[in-house]
Structure formats: structure tokens, C-alpha cells
């Protein structure tokens, strides 16, 4: 939503970078025509996969070579600072359980495999922010994104627990039982940053 607000591009995949006098949008071949129509002259379309088009990682490396540094603004989102009164309410469509018949693998098995990977990597927790990954891991489906069966949520998996950050108004009794059966804790959607800070304070390795 933030990317669409600042750029006008409404495709489901893309990365926007804004400098003091220009903007650039990276997206793949599925969206070239759409981006050409939706981006204004203030934006440069970076066609991912085309010869000579640098990646966002290469851009970051080029910036570093010029003695500039990109820093994280942990407690502030600049887009949110300018997008206030006109900002729509976040989607609150109900989520549903994706039956094991179709999912193929139960949630406990998926989390067990993920925790084994964490241990092998010397990590104590992982923050899952990709909506399709959250949906797959939890065998849940939603309707928050047009034409994609995902829900807006964050997911933190630790060696000894897991927390789902979601608007609880979207969670039906059936979904609640589904989550409780795998030892899931529900937390408010907007409390994700506070939880990450808490993990950092405890010395967690992400």
C-alpha cells in the first residue's frame, strides 16, 4: 500500500526507492506495461532482469562506495508521515483454515523443520514478513490482497514458541482453535516492532 501511494504503481511486486530529486521502481516483466502507464515522469522504471539494469543491492553498494550510508529508521516510516487523512483503513477480511487435504503438510511439521534450520544456522528466532510465507507456514488463507489468498500479518518463530501478529477481528473461533492446537500466541498487528526490540534486548540471533 505504501508503494502504491508514493508511486502510483499498484502491481503486487516491486520495490520503490526515493532520492531527494527522483524515484525509481524495480519490478519484473509481468508488470512492465502496467508500470509504464502508472508511473509519472518523476519515476524511473527499473526493468528487473533486463541487461544493464542494476539490482537494489548493487545500488546500495554503489552508494556505499561514494561514502554514503543507508540507515534504518526503526521508529519512523516517512511514507506514513505524509499519508495520514487520506489513508484507507487496513483490510479486515476474515481468514480461514486451509485444509490439510490441500495443504499437504501440517503446521507442526512445517514449524519443526523451520526450527531445525534455525538451530543449524545458529539462530534463535526468525521474523516472517512475506505474506505468502506466513499463509503457507500456518495453513491459513485470507483475502486482504486482491487476487492473492493471503492475509496481512507478521509471524515470529522461536525455538520454543511462535507468535502471530494480526488483527484479531479477522480470527474466527475455528481459526483460533487451529492456532491454539500448534501452541500459537496471538499478538496485536502493530506490536511487531516492540516484540523485535524485545528479542534484541534478550540477545536473540535472528
N, C-alpha and C. Protein backbone atom coordinates (compact mmCIF):
# COMPACT_ATOMS: atom_id res chain seq x y z
N UNK A 1 0.81 -1.20 0.00
CA UNK A 1 0.00 0.00 0.00
C UNK A 1 0.85 1.26 0.00
N UNK A 2 1.93 1.24 0.76
CA UNK A 2 2.81 2.42 0.78
C UNK A 2 3.44 2.66 -0.58
N UNK A 3 3.87 1.57 -1.21
CA UNK A 3 4.49 1.71 -2.54
C UNK A 3 3.50 2.29 -3.54
N UNK A 4 2.28 1.82 -3.50
CA UNK A 4 1.25 2.32 -4.42
C UNK A 4 0.95 3.79 -4.15
N UNK A 5 0.95 4.16 -2.89
CA UNK A 5 0.64 5.56 -2.55
C UNK A 5 1.69 6.53 -3.08
N UNK A 6 2.97 6.19 -2.90
CA UNK A 6 4.00 7.15 -3.30
C UNK A 6 4.31 7.11 -4.79
N UNK A 7 4.07 5.97 -5.44
CA UNK A 7 4.47 5.84 -6.84
C UNK A 7 3.30 5.80 -7.82
N UNK A 8 2.14 5.36 -7.36
CA UNK A 8 1.01 5.17 -8.26
C UNK A 8 0.97 3.78 -8.86
N UNK A 9 2.02 2.99 -8.65
CA UNK A 9 2.09 1.63 -9.19
C UNK A 9 1.36 0.68 -8.26
N UNK A 10 0.37 -0.04 -8.80
CA UNK A 10 -0.47 -0.90 -7.97
C UNK A 10 -0.20 -2.39 -8.16
N UNK A 11 0.86 -2.75 -8.88
CA UNK A 11 1.20 -4.16 -9.05
C UNK A 11 1.56 -4.80 -7.72
N UNK A 12 1.50 -6.13 -7.66
CA UNK A 12 1.73 -6.84 -6.40
C UNK A 12 3.20 -7.07 -6.09
N UNK A 13 4.09 -6.77 -7.03
CA UNK A 13 5.53 -6.99 -6.80
C UNK A 13 6.32 -5.79 -7.27
N UNK A 14 7.18 -5.29 -6.40
CA UNK A 14 8.01 -4.16 -6.80
C UNK A 14 8.67 -3.52 -5.59
N UNK A 15 9.77 -2.81 -5.84
CA UNK A 15 10.49 -2.10 -4.80
C UNK A 15 10.69 -0.66 -5.24
N UNK A 16 10.29 0.28 -4.40
CA UNK A 16 10.43 1.70 -4.72
C UNK A 16 11.57 2.30 -3.92
N UNK A 17 12.39 3.09 -4.59
CA UNK A 17 13.49 3.82 -3.95
C UNK A 17 13.32 5.30 -4.27
N UNK A 18 13.32 6.13 -3.24
CA UNK A 18 13.12 7.57 -3.42
C UNK A 18 14.37 8.32 -2.97
N UNK A 19 14.91 9.17 -3.85
CA UNK A 19 16.03 10.03 -3.51
C UNK A 19 15.51 11.46 -3.36
N UNK A 20 16.39 12.40 -3.15
CA UNK A 20 15.95 13.78 -2.92
C UNK A 20 15.34 14.42 -4.16
N UNK A 21 15.63 13.89 -5.35
CA UNK A 21 15.09 14.53 -6.55
C UNK A 21 14.51 13.54 -7.57
N UNK A 22 14.44 12.25 -7.23
CA UNK A 22 13.93 11.28 -8.20
C UNK A 22 13.42 10.04 -7.47
N UNK A 23 12.69 9.23 -8.20
CA UNK A 23 12.24 7.96 -7.67
C UNK A 23 12.50 6.86 -8.68
N UNK A 24 12.74 5.65 -8.20
CA UNK A 24 12.96 4.51 -9.09
C UNK A 24 12.14 3.33 -8.59
N UNK A 25 11.56 2.60 -9.52
CA UNK A 25 10.74 1.45 -9.16
C UNK A 25 11.26 0.21 -9.87
N UNK A 26 11.61 -0.82 -9.08
CA UNK A 26 12.05 -2.11 -9.61
C UNK A 26 10.85 -3.05 -9.66
N UNK A 27 10.60 -3.63 -10.81
CA UNK A 27 9.58 -4.67 -10.92
C UNK A 27 9.95 -5.61 -12.06
N UNK A 28 9.29 -6.77 -12.10
CA UNK A 28 9.66 -7.77 -13.11
C UNK A 28 8.77 -7.67 -14.35
N UNK A 29 9.06 -8.53 -15.32
CA UNK A 29 8.44 -8.45 -16.63
C UNK A 29 6.93 -8.55 -16.65
N UNK A 30 6.33 -9.11 -15.61
CA UNK A 30 4.87 -9.20 -15.57
C UNK A 30 4.21 -7.83 -15.51
N UNK A 31 4.98 -6.85 -15.02
CA UNK A 31 4.37 -5.55 -14.72
C UNK A 31 4.97 -4.38 -15.50
N UNK A 32 5.82 -4.66 -16.49
CA UNK A 32 6.45 -3.56 -17.24
C UNK A 32 5.40 -2.62 -17.85
N UNK A 33 4.44 -3.17 -18.57
CA UNK A 33 3.43 -2.34 -19.24
C UNK A 33 2.58 -1.57 -18.23
N UNK A 34 2.22 -2.24 -17.15
CA UNK A 34 1.42 -1.58 -16.12
C UNK A 34 2.19 -0.43 -15.49
N UNK A 35 3.46 -0.67 -15.18
CA UNK A 35 4.28 0.36 -14.56
C UNK A 35 4.48 1.55 -15.50
N UNK A 36 4.67 1.28 -16.78
CA UNK A 36 4.84 2.37 -17.75
C UNK A 36 3.62 3.29 -17.75
N UNK A 37 2.44 2.71 -17.59
CA UNK A 37 1.21 3.50 -17.60
C UNK A 37 0.99 4.24 -16.29
N UNK A 38 1.39 3.64 -15.18
CA UNK A 38 1.05 4.20 -13.88
C UNK A 38 2.10 5.15 -13.30
N UNK A 39 3.36 5.00 -13.69
CA UNK A 39 4.41 5.86 -13.13
C UNK A 39 4.42 7.21 -13.83
N UNK A 40 4.64 8.26 -13.06
CA UNK A 40 4.76 9.61 -13.63
C UNK A 40 6.18 9.83 -14.11
N UNK A 41 6.42 11.01 -14.69
CA UNK A 41 7.76 11.33 -15.21
C UNK A 41 8.78 11.51 -14.10
N UNK A 42 8.32 11.54 -12.85
CA UNK A 42 9.23 11.66 -11.71
C UNK A 42 9.87 10.32 -11.34
N UNK A 43 9.42 9.27 -12.00
CA UNK A 43 9.90 7.93 -11.66
C UNK A 43 10.64 7.29 -12.83
N UNK A 44 11.66 6.51 -12.47
CA UNK A 44 12.42 5.72 -13.44
C UNK A 44 12.01 4.26 -13.26
N UNK A 45 11.60 3.62 -14.34
CA UNK A 45 11.24 2.21 -14.27
C UNK A 45 12.49 1.35 -14.44
N UNK A 46 12.80 0.56 -13.43
CA UNK A 46 13.95 -0.35 -13.45
C UNK A 46 13.42 -1.74 -13.79
N UNK A 47 13.65 -2.16 -15.01
CA UNK A 47 13.10 -3.43 -15.50
C UNK A 47 13.99 -4.59 -15.04
N UNK A 48 13.55 -5.25 -13.98
CA UNK A 48 14.33 -6.34 -13.39
C UNK A 48 14.55 -7.45 -14.42
N UNK A 49 15.80 -7.89 -14.53
CA UNK A 49 16.14 -8.96 -15.46
C UNK A 49 16.66 -8.48 -16.79
N UNK A 50 16.44 -7.21 -17.10
CA UNK A 50 16.96 -6.66 -18.36
C UNK A 50 18.45 -6.37 -18.25
N UNK A 51 19.16 -6.54 -19.35
CA UNK A 51 20.60 -6.31 -19.36
C UNK A 51 20.92 -4.87 -18.95
N UNK A 52 21.89 -4.72 -18.05
CA UNK A 52 22.35 -3.40 -17.66
C UNK A 52 21.56 -2.74 -16.55
N UNK A 53 20.48 -3.37 -16.11
CA UNK A 53 19.67 -2.80 -15.03
C UNK A 53 20.22 -3.28 -13.68
N UNK A 54 20.74 -2.37 -12.86
CA UNK A 54 21.31 -2.79 -11.57
C UNK A 54 20.21 -3.24 -10.61
N UNK A 55 20.56 -4.13 -9.71
CA UNK A 55 19.62 -4.54 -8.67
C UNK A 55 19.65 -3.52 -7.54
N UNK A 56 18.69 -3.62 -6.63
CA UNK A 56 18.69 -2.71 -5.48
C UNK A 56 19.94 -2.94 -4.62
N UNK A 57 20.41 -4.18 -4.56
CA UNK A 57 21.63 -4.47 -3.80
C UNK A 57 22.82 -3.78 -4.44
N UNK A 58 22.90 -3.81 -5.76
CA UNK A 58 24.01 -3.14 -6.46
C UNK A 58 23.93 -1.63 -6.27
N UNK A 59 22.71 -1.09 -6.22
CA UNK A 59 22.55 0.34 -5.96
C UNK A 59 23.08 0.69 -4.57
N UNK A 60 22.75 -0.14 -3.59
CA UNK A 60 23.23 0.09 -2.23
C UNK A 60 24.75 0.06 -2.18
N UNK A 61 25.36 -0.88 -2.89
CA UNK A 61 26.82 -0.98 -2.92
C UNK A 61 27.44 0.24 -3.58
N UNK A 62 26.80 0.74 -4.64
CA UNK A 62 27.30 1.94 -5.32
C UNK A 62 27.23 3.15 -4.41
N UNK A 63 26.17 3.24 -3.63
CA UNK A 63 26.03 4.35 -2.69
C UNK A 63 27.12 4.29 -1.63
N UNK A 64 27.41 3.08 -1.14
CA UNK A 64 28.44 2.92 -0.12
C UNK A 64 29.82 3.35 -0.62
N UNK A 65 30.09 3.10 -1.91
CA UNK A 65 31.38 3.48 -2.48
C UNK A 65 31.57 4.99 -2.53
N UNK A 66 30.47 5.73 -2.50
CA UNK A 66 30.54 7.19 -2.51
C UNK A 66 30.50 7.76 -1.09
N UNK A 67 30.80 6.89 -0.12
CA UNK A 67 30.86 7.27 1.28
C UNK A 67 29.52 7.74 1.83
N UNK A 68 28.43 7.20 1.26
CA UNK A 68 27.11 7.44 1.81
C UNK A 68 26.65 6.17 2.51
N UNK A 69 25.76 6.33 3.45
CA UNK A 69 25.28 5.18 4.20
C UNK A 69 23.76 5.20 4.30
N UNK A 70 23.13 4.06 4.05
CA UNK A 70 21.69 3.92 4.26
C UNK A 70 21.45 3.48 5.69
N UNK A 71 20.58 4.17 6.39
CA UNK A 71 20.30 3.84 7.78
C UNK A 71 18.83 3.47 7.95
N UNK A 72 18.56 2.61 8.91
CA UNK A 72 17.19 2.20 9.20
C UNK A 72 16.54 3.20 10.15
N UNK A 73 15.30 3.56 9.87
CA UNK A 73 14.50 4.39 10.77
C UNK A 73 13.52 3.46 11.48
N UNK A 74 13.96 2.90 12.60
CA UNK A 74 13.18 1.85 13.25
C UNK A 74 11.83 2.33 13.76
N UNK A 75 11.78 3.57 14.25
CA UNK A 75 10.55 4.06 14.88
C UNK A 75 9.79 5.04 14.01
N UNK A 76 10.15 5.14 12.73
CA UNK A 76 9.52 6.14 11.88
C UNK A 76 9.44 5.64 10.45
N UNK A 77 8.30 5.79 9.84
CA UNK A 77 8.15 5.49 8.42
C UNK A 77 7.79 6.78 7.72
N UNK A 78 8.65 7.22 6.82
CA UNK A 78 8.47 8.52 6.19
C UNK A 78 7.21 8.59 5.33
N UNK A 79 6.84 7.48 4.72
CA UNK A 79 5.60 7.48 3.93
C UNK A 79 4.40 7.72 4.85
N UNK A 80 4.41 7.07 6.01
CA UNK A 80 3.31 7.25 6.95
C UNK A 80 3.20 8.70 7.43
N UNK A 81 4.34 9.38 7.48
CA UNK A 81 4.33 10.77 7.95
C UNK A 81 3.57 11.69 7.01
N UNK A 82 3.54 11.37 5.72
CA UNK A 82 2.83 12.23 4.76
C UNK A 82 1.48 11.65 4.35
N UNK A 83 1.24 10.39 4.69
CA UNK A 83 0.00 9.71 4.30
C UNK A 83 -0.87 9.53 5.53
N UNK A 84 -1.71 10.49 5.79
CA UNK A 84 -2.49 10.45 7.02
C UNK A 84 -3.99 10.46 6.76
N UNK A 85 -4.57 11.62 6.53
CA UNK A 85 -6.02 11.71 6.43
C UNK A 85 -6.60 10.87 5.30
N UNK A 86 -5.88 10.78 4.18
CA UNK A 86 -6.42 10.06 3.03
C UNK A 86 -6.15 8.56 3.07
N UNK A 87 -5.46 8.10 4.11
CA UNK A 87 -5.07 6.69 4.16
C UNK A 87 -6.26 5.79 4.48
N UNK A 88 -6.50 4.77 3.68
CA UNK A 88 -7.62 3.87 3.95
C UNK A 88 -7.35 2.99 5.17
N UNK A 89 -8.41 2.49 5.76
CA UNK A 89 -8.28 1.56 6.88
C UNK A 89 -7.66 0.26 6.38
N UNK A 90 -6.85 -0.40 7.22
CA UNK A 90 -6.27 -1.69 6.79
C UNK A 90 -7.38 -2.71 6.57
N UNK A 91 -7.17 -3.67 5.68
CA UNK A 91 -8.20 -4.68 5.41
C UNK A 91 -8.47 -5.54 6.64
N UNK A 92 -9.73 -5.85 6.85
CA UNK A 92 -10.13 -6.68 8.00
C UNK A 92 -10.99 -7.86 7.56
N UNK A 93 -10.65 -8.43 6.44
CA UNK A 93 -11.43 -9.56 5.94
C UNK A 93 -11.06 -10.83 6.71
N UNK A 94 -12.03 -11.67 7.00
CA UNK A 94 -11.77 -12.87 7.80
C UNK A 94 -10.82 -13.85 7.10
N UNK A 95 -10.06 -14.56 7.92
CA UNK A 95 -9.16 -15.57 7.38
C UNK A 95 -9.78 -16.95 7.61
N UNK A 96 -9.24 -17.95 6.93
CA UNK A 96 -9.82 -19.29 7.01
C UNK A 96 -8.70 -20.34 7.05
N UNK A 97 -9.03 -21.49 7.55
CA UNK A 97 -8.08 -22.61 7.60
C UNK A 97 -8.00 -23.25 6.22
N UNK A 98 -6.77 -23.50 5.78
CA UNK A 98 -6.53 -24.22 4.53
C UNK A 98 -6.39 -25.70 4.88
N UNK A 99 -7.38 -26.47 4.54
CA UNK A 99 -7.46 -27.86 5.00
C UNK A 99 -6.22 -28.66 4.60
N UNK A 100 -5.86 -29.61 5.48
CA UNK A 100 -4.67 -30.43 5.27
C UNK A 100 -4.74 -31.21 3.96
N UNK A 101 -5.94 -31.56 3.53
CA UNK A 101 -6.11 -32.28 2.26
C UNK A 101 -5.46 -31.52 1.11
N UNK A 102 -5.54 -30.19 1.18
CA UNK A 102 -4.99 -29.35 0.12
C UNK A 102 -3.59 -28.83 0.48
N UNK A 103 -3.36 -28.62 1.78
CA UNK A 103 -2.06 -28.08 2.20
C UNK A 103 -0.95 -29.12 2.07
N UNK A 104 -1.27 -30.39 2.35
CA UNK A 104 -0.30 -31.46 2.17
C UNK A 104 0.61 -31.71 3.36
N UNK A 105 0.83 -30.69 4.19
CA UNK A 105 1.73 -30.83 5.34
C UNK A 105 1.15 -30.02 6.49
N UNK A 106 1.13 -30.61 7.70
CA UNK A 106 0.53 -29.91 8.83
C UNK A 106 1.47 -28.85 9.38
N UNK A 107 0.91 -27.93 10.14
CA UNK A 107 1.67 -26.77 10.65
C UNK A 107 2.80 -27.22 11.57
N UNK A 108 2.54 -28.18 12.44
CA UNK A 108 3.58 -28.64 13.38
C UNK A 108 4.81 -29.14 12.64
N UNK A 109 4.61 -29.88 11.57
CA UNK A 109 5.74 -30.40 10.79
C UNK A 109 6.52 -29.27 10.14
N UNK A 110 5.80 -28.29 9.61
CA UNK A 110 6.47 -27.15 8.98
C UNK A 110 7.31 -26.37 10.00
N UNK A 111 6.73 -26.13 11.19
CA UNK A 111 7.46 -25.38 12.21
C UNK A 111 8.64 -26.18 12.74
N UNK A 112 8.48 -27.48 12.85
CA UNK A 112 9.58 -28.33 13.30
C UNK A 112 10.76 -28.26 12.33
N UNK A 113 10.47 -28.31 11.04
CA UNK A 113 11.52 -28.21 10.03
C UNK A 113 12.19 -26.84 10.08
N UNK A 114 11.38 -25.79 10.25
CA UNK A 114 11.93 -24.44 10.32
C UNK A 114 12.82 -24.27 11.54
N UNK A 115 12.42 -24.83 12.66
CA UNK A 115 13.23 -24.72 13.88
C UNK A 115 14.55 -25.49 13.73
N UNK A 116 14.52 -26.59 13.04
CA UNK A 116 15.76 -27.33 12.78
C UNK A 116 16.73 -26.48 11.96
N UNK A 117 16.18 -25.75 10.98
CA UNK A 117 17.00 -24.85 10.17
C UNK A 117 17.56 -23.72 11.02
N UNK A 118 16.76 -23.20 11.95
CA UNK A 118 17.24 -22.14 12.85
C UNK A 118 18.41 -22.63 13.69
N UNK A 119 18.27 -23.81 14.25
CA UNK A 119 19.33 -24.38 15.08
C UNK A 119 20.60 -24.59 14.27
N UNK A 120 20.47 -25.13 13.07
CA UNK A 120 21.64 -25.35 12.21
C UNK A 120 22.33 -24.04 11.86
N UNK A 121 21.55 -22.96 11.75
CA UNK A 121 22.12 -21.66 11.38
C UNK A 121 22.60 -20.87 12.59
N UNK A 122 22.43 -21.42 13.79
CA UNK A 122 22.85 -20.72 15.00
C UNK A 122 21.94 -19.57 15.37
N UNK A 123 20.69 -19.64 14.95
CA UNK A 123 19.72 -18.57 15.23
C UNK A 123 18.71 -19.03 16.28
N UNK A 124 18.12 -18.05 16.95
CA UNK A 124 17.13 -18.38 17.97
C UNK A 124 15.72 -17.97 17.57
N UNK A 125 15.58 -17.19 16.49
CA UNK A 125 14.25 -16.77 16.05
C UNK A 125 14.32 -16.29 14.60
N UNK A 126 13.16 -16.27 13.96
CA UNK A 126 13.06 -15.72 12.61
C UNK A 126 11.78 -14.89 12.53
N UNK A 127 11.88 -13.74 11.87
CA UNK A 127 10.71 -12.89 11.63
C UNK A 127 10.26 -13.14 10.19
N UNK A 128 9.05 -13.62 10.03
CA UNK A 128 8.50 -13.90 8.70
C UNK A 128 7.55 -12.77 8.33
N UNK A 129 7.90 -12.02 7.28
CA UNK A 129 7.08 -10.87 6.88
C UNK A 129 6.44 -11.03 5.51
N UNK A 130 6.91 -11.99 4.71
CA UNK A 130 6.29 -12.23 3.41
C UNK A 130 4.92 -12.88 3.63
N UNK A 131 3.89 -12.25 3.09
CA UNK A 131 2.53 -12.71 3.38
C UNK A 131 2.28 -14.13 2.90
N UNK A 132 2.84 -14.49 1.74
CA UNK A 132 2.62 -15.86 1.24
C UNK A 132 3.31 -16.89 2.13
N UNK A 133 4.45 -16.52 2.72
CA UNK A 133 5.16 -17.44 3.60
C UNK A 133 4.41 -17.63 4.92
N UNK A 134 3.85 -16.54 5.44
CA UNK A 134 3.03 -16.65 6.66
C UNK A 134 1.84 -17.57 6.41
N UNK A 135 1.17 -17.36 5.30
CA UNK A 135 -0.01 -18.17 4.97
C UNK A 135 0.35 -19.64 4.79
N UNK A 136 1.48 -19.89 4.12
CA UNK A 136 1.89 -21.28 3.87
C UNK A 136 2.26 -21.98 5.17
N UNK A 137 3.06 -21.32 6.00
CA UNK A 137 3.51 -21.94 7.24
C UNK A 137 2.35 -22.30 8.17
N UNK A 138 1.33 -21.46 8.19
CA UNK A 138 0.23 -21.65 9.14
C UNK A 138 -0.99 -22.34 8.53
N UNK A 139 -0.90 -22.72 7.26
CA UNK A 139 -2.05 -23.33 6.58
C UNK A 139 -3.30 -22.46 6.75
N UNK A 140 -3.12 -21.18 6.50
CA UNK A 140 -4.23 -20.22 6.56
C UNK A 140 -4.33 -19.49 5.23
N UNK A 141 -5.49 -19.00 4.93
CA UNK A 141 -5.70 -18.21 3.72
C UNK A 141 -6.56 -16.99 4.06
N UNK A 142 -6.35 -15.92 3.28
CA UNK A 142 -7.09 -14.70 3.53
C UNK A 142 -7.49 -14.01 2.24
N UNK A 143 -8.01 -12.80 2.38
CA UNK A 143 -8.48 -12.03 1.22
C UNK A 143 -8.06 -10.56 1.31
N UNK A 144 -6.94 -10.30 1.96
CA UNK A 144 -6.51 -8.92 2.16
C UNK A 144 -5.89 -8.30 0.92
N UNK A 145 -5.38 -9.12 0.02
CA UNK A 145 -4.73 -8.63 -1.20
C UNK A 145 -5.53 -9.13 -2.40
N UNK A 146 -5.95 -8.25 -3.29
CA UNK A 146 -6.73 -8.69 -4.45
C UNK A 146 -6.01 -9.78 -5.25
N UNK A 147 -6.75 -10.81 -5.60
CA UNK A 147 -6.25 -11.91 -6.44
C UNK A 147 -5.13 -12.72 -5.81
N UNK A 148 -4.99 -12.64 -4.48
CA UNK A 148 -3.96 -13.42 -3.79
C UNK A 148 -4.52 -13.86 -2.44
N UNK A 149 -4.49 -15.15 -2.12
CA UNK A 149 -5.15 -15.66 -0.91
C UNK A 149 -4.32 -15.50 0.37
N UNK A 150 -3.90 -14.30 0.67
CA UNK A 150 -3.04 -14.06 1.83
C UNK A 150 -3.71 -13.06 2.78
N UNK A 151 -3.16 -12.98 4.00
CA UNK A 151 -3.67 -12.03 4.97
C UNK A 151 -2.52 -11.16 5.48
N UNK A 152 -2.83 -9.96 5.90
CA UNK A 152 -1.81 -9.06 6.43
C UNK A 152 -1.45 -9.51 7.85
N UNK A 153 -0.24 -9.98 8.02
CA UNK A 153 0.20 -10.50 9.31
C UNK A 153 1.72 -10.61 9.33
N UNK A 154 2.27 -10.64 10.53
CA UNK A 154 3.68 -10.96 10.75
C UNK A 154 3.73 -12.22 11.60
N UNK A 155 4.85 -12.92 11.51
CA UNK A 155 4.97 -14.20 12.21
C UNK A 155 6.38 -14.32 12.75
N UNK A 156 6.51 -14.56 14.04
CA UNK A 156 7.82 -14.79 14.65
C UNK A 156 7.87 -16.22 15.17
N UNK A 157 8.85 -16.96 14.70
CA UNK A 157 9.05 -18.33 15.16
C UNK A 157 10.34 -18.39 15.97
N UNK A 158 10.23 -18.85 17.21
CA UNK A 158 11.39 -19.07 18.07
C UNK A 158 11.57 -20.57 18.28
N UNK A 159 12.67 -20.93 18.89
CA UNK A 159 12.94 -22.35 19.13
C UNK A 159 11.87 -22.96 20.02
N UNK A 160 11.37 -22.18 20.97
CA UNK A 160 10.41 -22.73 21.94
C UNK A 160 9.03 -22.07 21.88
N UNK A 161 8.71 -21.41 20.79
CA UNK A 161 7.39 -20.79 20.71
C UNK A 161 7.19 -20.08 19.38
N UNK A 162 5.99 -19.53 19.21
CA UNK A 162 5.68 -18.81 17.98
C UNK A 162 4.59 -17.78 18.25
N UNK A 163 4.67 -16.64 17.57
CA UNK A 163 3.71 -15.56 17.77
C UNK A 163 3.22 -15.06 16.41
N UNK A 164 1.91 -14.93 16.30
CA UNK A 164 1.30 -14.39 15.09
C UNK A 164 0.76 -13.00 15.40
N UNK A 165 1.18 -12.02 14.60
CA UNK A 165 0.77 -10.64 14.80
C UNK A 165 -0.29 -10.30 13.75
N UNK A 166 -1.51 -10.14 14.21
CA UNK A 166 -2.64 -9.99 13.29
C UNK A 166 -3.78 -9.27 13.99
N UNK A 167 -4.63 -8.63 13.23
CA UNK A 167 -5.85 -8.03 13.76
C UNK A 167 -6.78 -9.17 14.18
N UNK A 168 -7.05 -9.28 15.48
CA UNK A 168 -7.80 -10.45 15.95
C UNK A 168 -9.27 -10.44 15.51
N UNK A 169 -9.74 -9.31 14.96
CA UNK A 169 -11.12 -9.30 14.45
C UNK A 169 -11.28 -10.19 13.22
N UNK A 170 -10.15 -10.57 12.62
CA UNK A 170 -10.19 -11.43 11.43
C UNK A 170 -10.13 -12.92 11.79
N UNK A 171 -9.95 -13.20 13.09
CA UNK A 171 -9.74 -14.58 13.53
C UNK A 171 -11.04 -15.19 14.05
N UNK A 172 -11.56 -16.16 13.35
CA UNK A 172 -12.80 -16.84 13.75
C UNK A 172 -12.48 -17.87 14.84
N UNK A 173 -13.49 -18.38 15.55
CA UNK A 173 -13.25 -19.45 16.54
C UNK A 173 -12.55 -20.66 15.93
N UNK A 174 -12.91 -21.01 14.70
CA UNK A 174 -12.27 -22.15 14.04
C UNK A 174 -10.78 -21.90 13.83
N UNK A 175 -10.44 -20.70 13.37
CA UNK A 175 -9.03 -20.36 13.16
C UNK A 175 -8.30 -20.30 14.50
N UNK A 176 -8.96 -19.77 15.53
CA UNK A 176 -8.34 -19.70 16.85
C UNK A 176 -8.00 -21.10 17.36
N UNK A 177 -8.92 -22.04 17.20
CA UNK A 177 -8.64 -23.42 17.62
C UNK A 177 -7.48 -24.01 16.82
N UNK A 178 -7.46 -23.72 15.53
CA UNK A 178 -6.38 -24.20 14.65
C UNK A 178 -5.03 -23.70 15.15
N UNK A 179 -4.97 -22.44 15.57
CA UNK A 179 -3.71 -21.86 16.03
C UNK A 179 -3.33 -22.37 17.42
N UNK A 180 -4.31 -22.51 18.29
CA UNK A 180 -4.03 -23.00 19.65
C UNK A 180 -3.50 -24.42 19.61
N UNK A 181 -3.96 -25.21 18.66
CA UNK A 181 -3.52 -26.60 18.57
C UNK A 181 -2.03 -26.73 18.27
N UNK A 182 -1.42 -25.67 17.74
CA UNK A 182 0.03 -25.71 17.46
C UNK A 182 0.78 -24.77 18.39
N UNK A 183 0.14 -24.37 19.50
CA UNK A 183 0.82 -23.56 20.50
C UNK A 183 1.10 -22.13 20.09
N UNK A 184 0.24 -21.58 19.25
CA UNK A 184 0.46 -20.23 18.73
C UNK A 184 -0.05 -19.17 19.70
N UNK A 185 0.73 -18.09 19.86
CA UNK A 185 0.28 -16.92 20.60
C UNK A 185 -0.17 -15.86 19.61
N UNK A 186 -1.28 -15.20 19.88
CA UNK A 186 -1.74 -14.10 19.05
C UNK A 186 -1.36 -12.77 19.69
N UNK A 187 -0.83 -11.88 18.89
CA UNK A 187 -0.45 -10.55 19.36
C UNK A 187 -1.04 -9.50 18.42
N UNK A 188 -1.25 -8.27 18.91
CA UNK A 188 -1.75 -7.20 18.03
C UNK A 188 -0.81 -6.95 16.86
N UNK A 189 -1.38 -6.69 15.71
CA UNK A 189 -0.60 -6.50 14.48
C UNK A 189 0.48 -5.43 14.65
N UNK A 190 0.12 -4.33 15.29
CA UNK A 190 1.05 -3.20 15.38
C UNK A 190 2.12 -3.37 16.46
N UNK A 191 2.09 -4.47 17.19
CA UNK A 191 3.09 -4.67 18.25
C UNK A 191 4.33 -5.39 17.76
N UNK A 192 4.46 -5.61 16.45
CA UNK A 192 5.58 -6.38 15.91
C UNK A 192 6.92 -5.72 16.22
N UNK A 193 7.02 -4.39 16.06
CA UNK A 193 8.30 -3.72 16.30
C UNK A 193 8.71 -3.83 17.76
N UNK A 194 7.74 -3.69 18.66
CA UNK A 194 8.05 -3.81 20.08
C UNK A 194 8.58 -5.20 20.40
N UNK A 195 8.02 -6.22 19.76
CA UNK A 195 8.47 -7.59 20.00
C UNK A 195 9.87 -7.82 19.45
N UNK A 196 10.17 -7.23 18.29
CA UNK A 196 11.52 -7.36 17.72
C UNK A 196 12.54 -6.69 18.64
N UNK A 197 12.17 -5.52 19.18
CA UNK A 197 13.06 -4.84 20.13
C UNK A 197 13.28 -5.69 21.37
N UNK A 198 12.22 -6.35 21.81
CA UNK A 198 12.32 -7.22 22.97
C UNK A 198 13.27 -8.39 22.70
N UNK A 199 13.18 -8.96 21.51
CA UNK A 199 14.09 -10.04 21.13
C UNK A 199 15.53 -9.55 21.11
N UNK A 200 15.74 -8.36 20.57
CA UNK A 200 17.09 -7.79 20.51
C UNK A 200 17.64 -7.56 21.91
N UNK A 201 16.78 -7.08 22.81
CA UNK A 201 17.22 -6.82 24.18
C UNK A 201 17.61 -8.11 24.89
N UNK A 202 16.99 -9.22 24.50
CA UNK A 202 17.31 -10.52 25.10
C UNK A 202 18.52 -11.18 24.44
N UNK A 203 19.06 -10.51 23.41
CA UNK A 203 20.23 -11.06 22.73
C UNK A 203 19.91 -12.15 21.73
N UNK A 204 18.70 -12.14 21.21
CA UNK A 204 18.31 -13.16 20.24
C UNK A 204 19.08 -13.00 18.94
N UNK A 205 19.38 -14.10 18.30
CA UNK A 205 20.04 -14.10 16.99
C UNK A 205 18.99 -14.39 15.93
N UNK A 206 18.74 -13.41 15.08
CA UNK A 206 17.70 -13.56 14.05
C UNK A 206 18.31 -13.98 12.73
